[in-house]
Amino acid sequence: MVEDPSEELSLSNLASTHSPLLTVSGVQRSFQVGSQKLEVLKGIEMELYPLQLVMLKGRSGSGKTTLLNLIGGLDQPNEGEIVFQNHPFHQCSDDERTHIRRKEIGFIFQSFALMPLLSAWENVELALRMAGIPRSQWKERVTHCLELVGLGKRMHHRPFELSGGEQQRVAIAKAIAHRPALILADEPTAELDSQMGAQIMSVFRSIIATEQVTICMTTHDPTILEVADHVYEMVDGRFVT
């Protein structure tokens, strides 16, 4: 975590002087449910800047996860534009979006999404293998990522031997391993108690400073909002102020 307040301020200033990492313009997303059209997102406008921790706040069903999937290129809008590092996600093919995700985006899921028979080390190593990182870089990078999240002494344990907070730390190490520009986290503290949730937020802050990434996450936990650089509150598919 950034210890010097002036250093944290300088990071914030640096972020504000950059062009947006990602822009969302007029995005709408609906789904056909039987004979009914369900409108989930209704004209979303947002920007993500480098080195920021951004939170999407809202109740279940407000559209947070749908928006996160669109930002990550897992889905496409019915209308509107999503541009990530000059890549127009709304126009890219599935293969093009998959290639961009593999290189530039990391995902953290509420359920941790770890391979149960692999150790923490092997889970992070698998992420590097899938991203096409040269084998010669694996050992140093895996060690760095697990030490960064505080698991230097637990890296050879399997998920069932780790606490929920430790499993989430492995998931974070896995998400940052291939050096993405953007981390997307869907309710990363939902399965954790308040103390563990605060620790994960501290890890996020440390990662932003050391790995030079942007983190966008969904949450309905009001206790962690104060650590965000920006909070977008969602109600019924729209941002409210």
C-alpha atoms as a PDB file:
ATOM      1  CA  MET A   1       0.000   0.000   0.000  1.00  0.00           C
ATOM      2  CA  VAL A   2       1.173   3.564  -0.647  1.00  0.00           C
ATOM      3  CA  GLU A   3       2.642   4.786   2.659  1.00  0.00           C
ATOM      4  CA  ASP A   4       3.479   8.362   1.666  1.00  0.00           C
ATOM      5  CA  PRO A   5       0.305  10.477   1.217  1.00  0.00           C
ATOM      6  CA  SER A   6       2.156  12.720  -1.236  1.00  0.00           C
ATOM      7  CA  GLU A   7       2.968   9.673  -3.366  1.00  0.00           C
ATOM      8  CA  GLU A   8      -0.696   8.654  -3.405  1.00  0.00           C
ATOM      9  CA  LEU A   9      -1.633  12.214  -4.381  1.00  0.00           C
ATOM     10  CA  SER A  10       0.903  12.175  -7.195  1.00  0.00           C
ATOM     11  CA  LEU A  11      -0.606   8.940  -8.518  1.00  0.00           C
ATOM     12  CA  SER A  12      -4.044  10.556  -8.479  1.00  0.00           C
ATOM     13  CA  ASN A  13      -2.700  13.588 -10.301  1.00  0.00           C
ATOM     14  CA  LEU A  14      -0.987  11.387 -12.857  1.00  0.00           C
ATOM     15  CA  ALA A  15      -4.269   9.593 -13.527  1.00  0.00           C
ATOM     16  CA  SER A  16      -6.137  12.850 -14.011  1.00  0.00           C
ATOM     17  CA  THR A  17      -3.694  14.077 -16.664  1.00  0.00           C
ATOM     18  CA  HIS A  18      -4.019  10.986 -18.835  1.00  0.00           C
ATOM     19  CA  SER A  19      -6.563  10.293 -21.529  1.00  0.00           C
ATOM     20  CA  PRO A  20      -9.237   7.767 -20.518  1.00  0.00           C
ATOM     21  CA  LEU A  21      -8.199   4.129 -20.575  1.00  0.00           C
ATOM     22  CA  LEU A  22     -11.780   3.215 -21.457  1.00  0.00           C
ATOM     23  CA  THR A  23     -14.883   5.172 -22.464  1.00  0.00           C
ATOM     24  CA  VAL A  24     -18.498   4.047 -22.468  1.00  0.00           C
ATOM     25  CA  SER A  25     -20.886   6.198 -24.523  1.00  0.00           C
ATOM     26  CA  GLY A  26     -24.654   5.834 -24.744  1.00  0.00           C
ATOM     27  CA  VAL A  27     -24.560   2.123 -23.985  1.00  0.00           C
ATOM     28  CA  GLN A  28     -27.812   0.202 -23.866  1.00  0.00           C
ATOM     29  CA  ARG A  29     -28.204  -3.523 -23.275  1.00  0.00           C
ATOM     30  CA  SER A  30     -31.420  -5.506 -23.323  1.00  0.00           C
ATOM     31  CA  PHE A  31     -32.256  -9.206 -23.267  1.00  0.00           C
ATOM     32  CA  GLN A  32     -35.209 -11.071 -24.696  1.00  0.00           C
ATOM     33  CA  VAL A  33     -36.989 -13.020 -21.970  1.00  0.00           C
ATOM     34  CA  GLY A  34     -39.772 -14.990 -23.600  1.00  0.00           C
ATOM     35  CA  SER A  35     -41.953 -12.448 -25.354  1.00  0.00           C
ATOM     36  CA  GLN A  36     -40.709  -9.621 -23.154  1.00  0.00           C
ATOM     37  CA  LYS A  37     -37.751  -7.310 -23.755  1.00  0.00           C
ATOM     38  CA  LEU A  38     -35.818  -6.728 -20.535  1.00  0.00           C
ATOM     39  CA  GLU A  39     -33.870  -3.438 -20.587  1.00  0.00           C
ATOM     40  CA  VAL A  40     -30.889  -3.833 -18.271  1.00  0.00           C
ATOM     41  CA  LEU A  41     -28.701  -0.849 -19.215  1.00  0.00           C
ATOM     42  CA  LYS A  42     -30.337   2.396 -20.319  1.00  0.00           C
ATOM     43  CA  GLY A  43     -27.811   4.839 -21.743  1.00  0.00           C
ATOM     44  CA  ILE A  44     -24.592   4.463 -19.725  1.00  0.00           C
ATOM     45  CA  GLU A  45     -21.862   7.109 -19.934  1.00  0.00           C
ATOM     46  CA  MET A  46     -18.578   6.597 -18.061  1.00  0.00           C
ATOM     47  CA  GLU A  47     -14.811   6.887 -18.259  1.00  0.00           C
ATOM     48  CA  LEU A  48     -12.021   4.916 -16.605  1.00  0.00           C
ATOM     49  CA  TYR A  49      -8.670   6.637 -16.168  1.00  0.00           C
ATOM     50  CA  PRO A  50      -5.230   5.102 -15.532  1.00  0.00           C
ATOM     51  CA  LEU A  51      -4.260   4.249 -11.949  1.00  0.00           C
ATOM     52  CA  GLN A  52      -7.772   4.582 -10.535  1.00  0.00           C
ATOM     53  CA  LEU A  53      -9.907   2.376  -8.330  1.00  0.00           C
ATOM     54  CA  VAL A  54     -13.482   2.773  -9.608  1.00  0.00           C
ATOM     55  CA  MET A  55     -16.517   1.155  -8.016  1.00  0.00           C
ATOM     56  CA  LEU A  56     -19.909   0.363  -9.524  1.00  0.00           C
ATOM     57  CA  LYS A  57     -22.324   0.502  -6.602  1.00  0.00           C
ATOM     58  CA  GLY A  58     -25.851  -0.826  -6.643  1.00  0.00           C
ATOM     59  CA  ARG A  59     -28.292  -3.465  -5.516  1.00  0.00           C
ATOM     60  CA  SER A  60     -28.552  -6.867  -7.119  1.00  0.00           C
ATOM     61  CA  GLY A  61     -30.277  -6.501 -10.471  1.00  0.00           C
ATOM     62  CA  SER A  62     -29.237  -2.888 -11.008  1.00  0.00           C
ATOM     63  CA  GLY A  63     -27.074  -3.778 -14.024  1.00  0.00           C
ATOM     64  CA  LYS A  64     -23.590  -3.708 -12.461  1.00  0.00           C
ATOM     65  CA  THR A  65     -22.424  -7.124 -13.643  1.00  0.00           C
ATOM     66  CA  THR A  66     -23.910  -6.628 -17.116  1.00  0.00           C
ATOM     67  CA  LEU A  67     -21.917  -3.402 -17.456  1.00  0.00           C
ATOM     68  CA  LEU A  68     -18.755  -5.081 -16.166  1.00  0.00           C
ATOM     69  CA  ASN A  69     -19.156  -7.819 -18.793  1.00  0.00           C
ATOM     70  CA  LEU A  70     -19.494  -5.197 -21.515  1.00  0.00           C
ATOM     71  CA  ILE A  71     -16.430  -3.295 -20.301  1.00  0.00           C
ATOM     72  CA  GLY A  72     -14.464  -6.536 -20.356  1.00  0.00           C
ATOM     73  CA  GLY A  73     -15.548  -7.455 -23.861  1.00  0.00           C
ATOM     74  CA  LEU A  74     -17.441 -10.540 -22.681  1.00  0.00           C
ATOM     75  CA  ASP A  75     -20.636  -9.142 -24.195  1.00  0.00           C
ATOM     76  CA  GLN A  76     -21.603  -6.375 -26.610  1.00  0.00           C
ATOM     77  CA  PRO A  77     -24.147  -3.564 -26.288  1.00  0.00           C
ATOM     78  CA  ASN A  78     -27.313  -3.280 -28.355  1.00  0.00           C
ATOM     79  CA  GLU A  79     -26.534   0.401 -28.793  1.00  0.00           C
ATOM     80  CA  GLY A  80     -23.668   2.715 -27.907  1.00  0.00           C
ATOM     81  CA  GLU A  81     -19.882   2.553 -27.965  1.00  0.00           C
ATOM     82  CA  ILE A  82     -17.202   1.028 -25.742  1.00  0.00           C
ATOM     83  CA  VAL A  83     -13.618   1.981 -26.545  1.00  0.00           C
ATOM     84  CA  PHE A  84     -10.750   0.372 -24.621  1.00  0.00           C
ATOM     85  CA  GLN A  85      -7.230   1.603 -25.426  1.00  0.00           C
ATOM     86  CA  ASN A  86      -8.437   2.741 -28.845  1.00  0.00           C
ATOM     87  CA  HIS A  87     -10.045  -0.655 -29.503  1.00  0.00           C
ATOM     88  CA  PRO A  88     -13.775  -0.251 -30.374  1.00  0.00           C
ATOM     89  CA  PHE A  89     -15.163  -3.237 -28.444  1.00  0.00           C
ATOM     90  CA  HIS A  90     -18.634  -2.576 -29.851  1.00  0.00           C
ATOM     91  CA  GLN A  91     -17.297  -3.259 -33.356  1.00  0.00           C
ATOM     92  CA  CYS A  92     -14.733  -5.994 -32.638  1.00  0.00           C
ATOM     93  CA  SER A  93     -15.346  -9.646 -33.476  1.00  0.00           C
ATOM     94  CA  ASP A  94     -15.405 -12.278 -30.716  1.00  0.00           C
ATOM     95  CA  ASP A  95     -11.882 -13.360 -31.656  1.00  0.00           C
ATOM     96  CA  GLU A  96     -10.574  -9.793 -31.568  1.00  0.00           C
ATOM     97  CA  ARG A  97     -12.093  -9.133 -28.147  1.00  0.00           C
ATOM     98  CA  THR A  98     -10.731 -12.446 -26.842  1.00  0.00           C
ATOM     99  CA  HIS A  99      -7.219 -11.509 -27.993  1.00  0.00           C
ATOM    100  CA  ILE A 100      -7.430  -8.092 -26.310  1.00  0.00           C
ATOM    101  CA  ARG A 101      -8.767  -9.589 -23.068  1.00  0.00           C
ATOM    102  CA  ARG A 102      -5.982 -12.164 -22.964  1.00  0.00           C
ATOM    103  CA  LYS A 103      -3.328  -9.454 -23.216  1.00  0.00           C
ATOM    104  CA  GLU A 104      -4.768  -6.398 -21.485  1.00  0.00           C
ATOM    105  CA  ILE A 105      -7.564  -7.332 -19.041  1.00  0.00           C
ATOM    106  CA  GLY A 106      -7.613  -9.382 -15.843  1.00  0.00           C
ATOM    107  CA  PHE A 107     -10.755 -10.725 -14.159  1.00  0.00           C
ATOM    108  CA  ILE A 108     -11.482 -11.383 -10.466  1.00  0.00           C
ATOM    109  CA  PHE A 109     -14.668 -13.261  -9.653  1.00  0.00           C
ATOM    110  CA  GLN A 110     -16.775 -13.416  -6.486  1.00  0.00           C
ATOM    111  CA  SER A 111     -16.358 -17.191  -6.292  1.00  0.00           C
ATOM    112  CA  PHE A 112     -12.536 -16.941  -6.720  1.00  0.00           C
ATOM    113  CA  ALA A 113     -12.554 -19.175  -9.859  1.00  0.00           C
ATOM    114  CA  LEU A 114      -9.454 -21.158  -8.879  1.00  0.00           C
ATOM    115  CA  MET A 115      -8.549 -24.636 -10.109  1.00  0.00           C
ATOM    116  CA  PRO A 116      -9.124 -26.731  -6.953  1.00  0.00           C
ATOM    117  CA  LEU A 117      -6.427 -29.345  -7.597  1.00  0.00           C
ATOM    118  CA  LEU A 118      -3.718 -26.786  -8.356  1.00  0.00           C
ATOM    119  CA  SER A 119      -1.656 -24.934  -5.756  1.00  0.00           C
ATOM    120  CA  ALA A 120      -1.699 -21.149  -5.523  1.00  0.00           C
ATOM    121  CA  TRP A 121       1.574 -21.136  -7.474  1.00  0.00           C
ATOM    122  CA  GLU A 122       0.161 -23.408 -10.189  1.00  0.00           C
ATOM    123  CA  ASN A 123      -3.032 -21.333 -10.507  1.00  0.00           C
ATOM    124  CA  VAL A 124      -1.008 -18.171 -11.171  1.00  0.00           C
ATOM    125  CA  GLU A 125       1.365 -20.045 -13.471  1.00  0.00           C
ATOM    126  CA  LEU A 126      -1.630 -21.288 -15.463  1.00  0.00           C
ATOM    127  CA  ALA A 127      -2.710 -17.677 -16.071  1.00  0.00           C
ATOM    128  CA  LEU A 128       0.717 -16.916 -17.547  1.00  0.00           C
ATOM    129  CA  ARG A 129       0.593 -20.030 -19.702  1.00  0.00           C
ATOM    130  CA  MET A 130      -2.840 -19.070 -21.088  1.00  0.00           C
ATOM    131  CA  ALA A 131      -1.668 -15.511 -21.809  1.00  0.00           C
ATOM    132  CA  GLY A 132       1.244 -16.804 -23.865  1.00  0.00           C
ATOM    133  CA  ILE A 133       3.940 -15.417 -21.549  1.00  0.00           C
ATOM    134  CA  PRO A 134       7.352 -17.032 -22.209  1.00  0.00           C
ATOM    135  CA  ARG A 135       8.136 -19.869 -19.794  1.00  0.00           C
ATOM    136  CA  SER A 136      11.417 -18.202 -18.830  1.00  0.00           C
ATOM    137  CA  GLN A 137       9.452 -15.439 -17.088  1.00  0.00           C
ATOM    138  CA  TRP A 138       7.064 -17.639 -15.118  1.00  0.00           C
ATOM    139  CA  LYS A 139       9.043 -18.301 -11.930  1.00  0.00           C
ATOM    140  CA  GLU A 140       9.976 -14.691 -11.249  1.00  0.00           C
ATOM    141  CA  ARG A 141       6.527 -13.344 -12.120  1.00  0.00           C
ATOM    142  CA  VAL A 142       4.567 -15.931 -10.111  1.00  0.00           C
ATOM    143  CA  THR A 143       6.757 -15.320  -7.061  1.00  0.00           C
ATOM    144  CA  HIS A 144       6.387 -11.547  -7.404  1.00  0.00           C
ATOM    145  CA  CYS A 145       2.591 -11.648  -7.728  1.00  0.00           C
ATOM    146  CA  LEU A 146       2.039 -13.983  -4.774  1.00  0.00           C
ATOM    147  CA  GLU A 147       4.412 -12.016  -2.553  1.00  0.00           C
ATOM    148  CA  LEU A 148       2.674  -8.792  -3.604  1.00  0.00           C
ATOM    149  CA  VAL A 149      -0.654 -10.094  -2.248  1.00  0.00           C
ATOM    150  CA  GLY A 150       0.957 -11.407   0.941  1.00  0.00           C
ATOM    151  CA  LEU A 151       1.067 -15.120   0.147  1.00  0.00           C
ATOM    152  CA  GLY A 152       4.802 -15.653  -0.089  1.00  0.00           C
ATOM    153  CA  LYS A 153       4.638 -18.400   2.564  1.00  0.00           C
ATOM    154  CA  ARG A 154       1.408 -20.007   1.284  1.00  0.00           C
ATOM    155  CA  MET A 155       2.121 -20.266  -2.436  1.00  0.00           C
ATOM    156  CA  HIS A 156       2.298 -24.056  -2.511  1.00  0.00           C
ATOM    157  CA  HIS A 157      -1.054 -24.592  -0.749  1.00  0.00           C
ATOM    158  CA  ARG A 158      -4.157 -25.660  -2.648  1.00  0.00           C
ATOM    159  CA  PRO A 159      -7.373 -23.618  -2.431  1.00  0.00           C
ATOM    160  CA  PHE A 160      -9.036 -25.920   0.138  1.00  0.00           C
ATOM    161  CA  GLU A 161      -6.053 -25.293   2.451  1.00  0.00           C
ATOM    162  CA  LEU A 162      -6.534 -21.519   2.274  1.00  0.00           C
ATOM    163  CA  SER A 163      -9.053 -19.183   3.903  1.00  0.00           C
ATOM    164  CA  GLY A 164     -11.559 -17.246   1.812  1.00  0.00           C
ATOM    165  CA  GLY A 165      -9.420 -14.119   2.033  1.00  0.00           C
ATOM    166  CA  GLU A 166      -6.327 -16.045   0.977  1.00  0.00           C
ATOM    167  CA  GLN A 167      -8.171 -17.598  -1.970  1.00  0.00           C
ATOM    168  CA  GLN A 168      -9.224 -14.138  -3.095  1.00  0.00           C
ATOM    169  CA  ARG A 169      -5.595 -13.027  -2.880  1.00  0.00           C
ATOM    170  CA  VAL A 170      -4.616 -15.914  -5.160  1.00  0.00           C
ATOM    171  CA  ALA A 171      -7.347 -14.808  -7.574  1.00  0.00           C
ATOM    172  CA  ILE A 172      -5.895 -11.280  -7.525  1.00  0.00           C
ATOM    173  CA  ALA A 173      -2.365 -12.567  -8.158  1.00  0.00           C
ATOM    174  CA  LYS A 174      -3.731 -14.640 -11.037  1.00  0.00           C
ATOM    175  CA  ALA A 175      -5.511 -11.619 -12.523  1.00  0.00           C
ATOM    176  CA  ILE A 176      -2.437  -9.356 -12.492  1.00  0.00           C
ATOM    177  CA  ALA A 177       0.107 -11.999 -13.555  1.00  0.00           C
ATOM    178  CA  HIS A 178       0.110 -11.148 -17.273  1.00  0.00           C
ATOM    179  CA  ARG A 179       0.470  -7.406 -16.551  1.00  0.00           C
ATOM    180  CA  PRO A 180      -2.936  -6.199 -17.778  1.00  0.00           C
ATOM    181  CA  ALA A 181      -3.844  -2.528 -18.024  1.00  0.00           C
ATOM    182  CA  LEU A 182      -7.312  -3.099 -16.526  1.00  0.00           C
ATOM    183  CA  ILE A 183      -8.574  -5.358 -13.730  1.00  0.00           C
ATOM    184  CA  LEU A 184     -12.323  -6.069 -13.520  1.00  0.00           C
ATOM    185  CA  ALA A 185     -13.602  -7.473 -10.233  1.00  0.00           C
ATOM    186  CA  ASP A 186     -17.178  -8.657  -9.686  1.00  0.00           C
ATOM    187  CA  GLU A 187     -18.130  -8.324  -5.997  1.00  0.00           C
ATOM    188  CA  PRO A 188     -14.622  -9.316  -4.822  1.00  0.00           C
ATOM    189  CA  THR A 189     -15.471  -8.827  -1.122  1.00  0.00           C
ATOM    190  CA  ALA A 190     -18.950 -10.347  -1.112  1.00  0.00           C
ATOM    191  CA  GLU A 191     -17.800 -13.684   0.346  1.00  0.00           C
ATOM    192  CA  LEU A 192     -15.524 -12.065   2.949  1.00  0.00           C
ATOM    193  CA  ASP A 193     -16.094 -10.528   6.360  1.00  0.00           C
ATOM    194  CA  SER A 194     -15.544  -6.791   6.812  1.00  0.00           C
ATOM    195  CA  GLN A 195     -11.966  -7.155   8.073  1.00  0.00           C
ATOM    196  CA  MET A 196     -10.965  -9.373   5.141  1.00  0.00           C
ATOM    197  CA  GLY A 197     -12.762  -7.025   2.757  1.00  0.00           C
ATOM    198  CA  ALA A 198     -10.733  -4.083   4.057  1.00  0.00           C
ATOM    199  CA  GLN A 199      -7.538  -6.096   3.577  1.00  0.00           C
ATOM    200  CA  ILE A 200      -8.455  -6.852  -0.035  1.00  0.00           C
ATOM    201  CA  MET A 201      -9.027  -3.131  -0.646  1.00  0.00           C
ATOM    202  CA  SER A 202      -5.568  -2.468   0.772  1.00  0.00           C
ATOM    203  CA  VAL A 203      -4.143  -5.064  -1.626  1.00  0.00           C
ATOM    204  CA  PHE A 204      -5.949  -3.344  -4.518  1.00  0.00           C
ATOM    205  CA  ARG A 205      -4.397  -0.001  -3.577  1.00  0.00           C
ATOM    206  CA  SER A 206      -0.949  -1.570  -3.441  1.00  0.00           C
ATOM    207  CA  ILE A 207      -1.449  -3.202  -6.836  1.00  0.00           C
ATOM    208  CA  ILE A 208      -2.529   0.057  -8.476  1.00  0.00           C
ATOM    209  CA  ALA A 209       0.667   1.713  -7.237  1.00  0.00           C
ATOM    210  CA  THR A 210       3.112  -1.095  -8.030  1.00  0.00           C
ATOM    211  CA  GLU A 211       1.585  -2.636 -11.164  1.00  0.00           C
ATOM    212  CA  GLN A 212       0.278   0.625 -12.712  1.00  0.00           C
ATOM    213  CA  VAL A 213      -3.202  -0.751 -13.398  1.00  0.00           C
ATOM    214  CA  THR A 214      -6.772   0.509 -13.266  1.00  0.00           C
ATOM    215  CA  ILE A 215      -9.274  -1.475 -11.219  1.00  0.00           C
ATOM    216  CA  CYS A 216     -13.041  -1.370 -11.812  1.00  0.00           C
ATOM    217  CA  MET A 217     -15.158  -3.402  -9.420  1.00  0.00           C
ATOM    218  CA  THR A 218     -18.793  -3.941  -8.510  1.00  0.00           C
ATOM    219  CA  THR A 219     -20.004  -3.826  -4.930  1.00  0.00           C
ATOM    220  CA  HIS A 220     -23.022  -3.315  -2.715  1.00  0.00           C
ATOM    221  CA  ASP A 221     -20.862  -2.964   0.415  1.00  0.00           C
ATOM    222  CA  PRO A 222     -21.008   0.654   1.667  1.00  0.00           C
ATOM    223  CA  THR A 223     -18.079   0.131   4.063  1.00  0.00           C
ATOM    224  CA  ILE A 224     -15.461   0.011   1.293  1.00  0.00           C
ATOM    225  CA  LEU A 225     -16.653   2.904  -0.881  1.00  0.00           C
ATOM    226  CA  GLU A 226     -14.414   5.459   0.832  1.00  0.00           C
ATOM    227  CA  VAL A 227     -11.244   3.947  -0.668  1.00  0.00           C
ATOM    228  CA  ALA A 228     -12.473   4.450  -4.253  1.00  0.00           C
ATOM    229  CA  ASP A 229     -11.275   7.237  -6.521  1.00  0.00           C
ATOM    230  CA  HIS A 230     -14.715   7.346  -8.128  1.00  0.00           C
ATOM    231  CA  VAL A 231     -18.060   5.679  -7.404  1.00  0.00           C
ATOM    232  CA  TYR A 232     -20.804   5.207  -9.984  1.00  0.00           C
ATOM    233  CA  GLU A 233     -24.134   4.390  -8.356  1.00  0.00           C
ATOM    234  CA  MET A 234     -26.511   2.313 -10.478  1.00  0.00           C
ATOM    235  CA  VAL A 235     -30.281   2.128 -10.104  1.00  0.00           C
ATOM    236  CA  ASP A 236     -32.406   0.264 -12.658  1.00  0.00           C
ATOM    237  CA  GLY A 237     -29.775   0.366 -15.394  1.00  0.00           C
ATOM    238  CA  ARG A 238     -28.847   4.025 -15.016  1.00  0.00           C
ATOM    239  CA  PHE A 239     -26.253   6.023 -13.099  1.00  0.00           C
ATOM    240  CA  VAL A 240     -27.675   8.329 -10.456  1.00  0.00           C
ATOM    241  CA  THR A 241     -25.964  11.295  -8.786  1.00  0.00           C
END
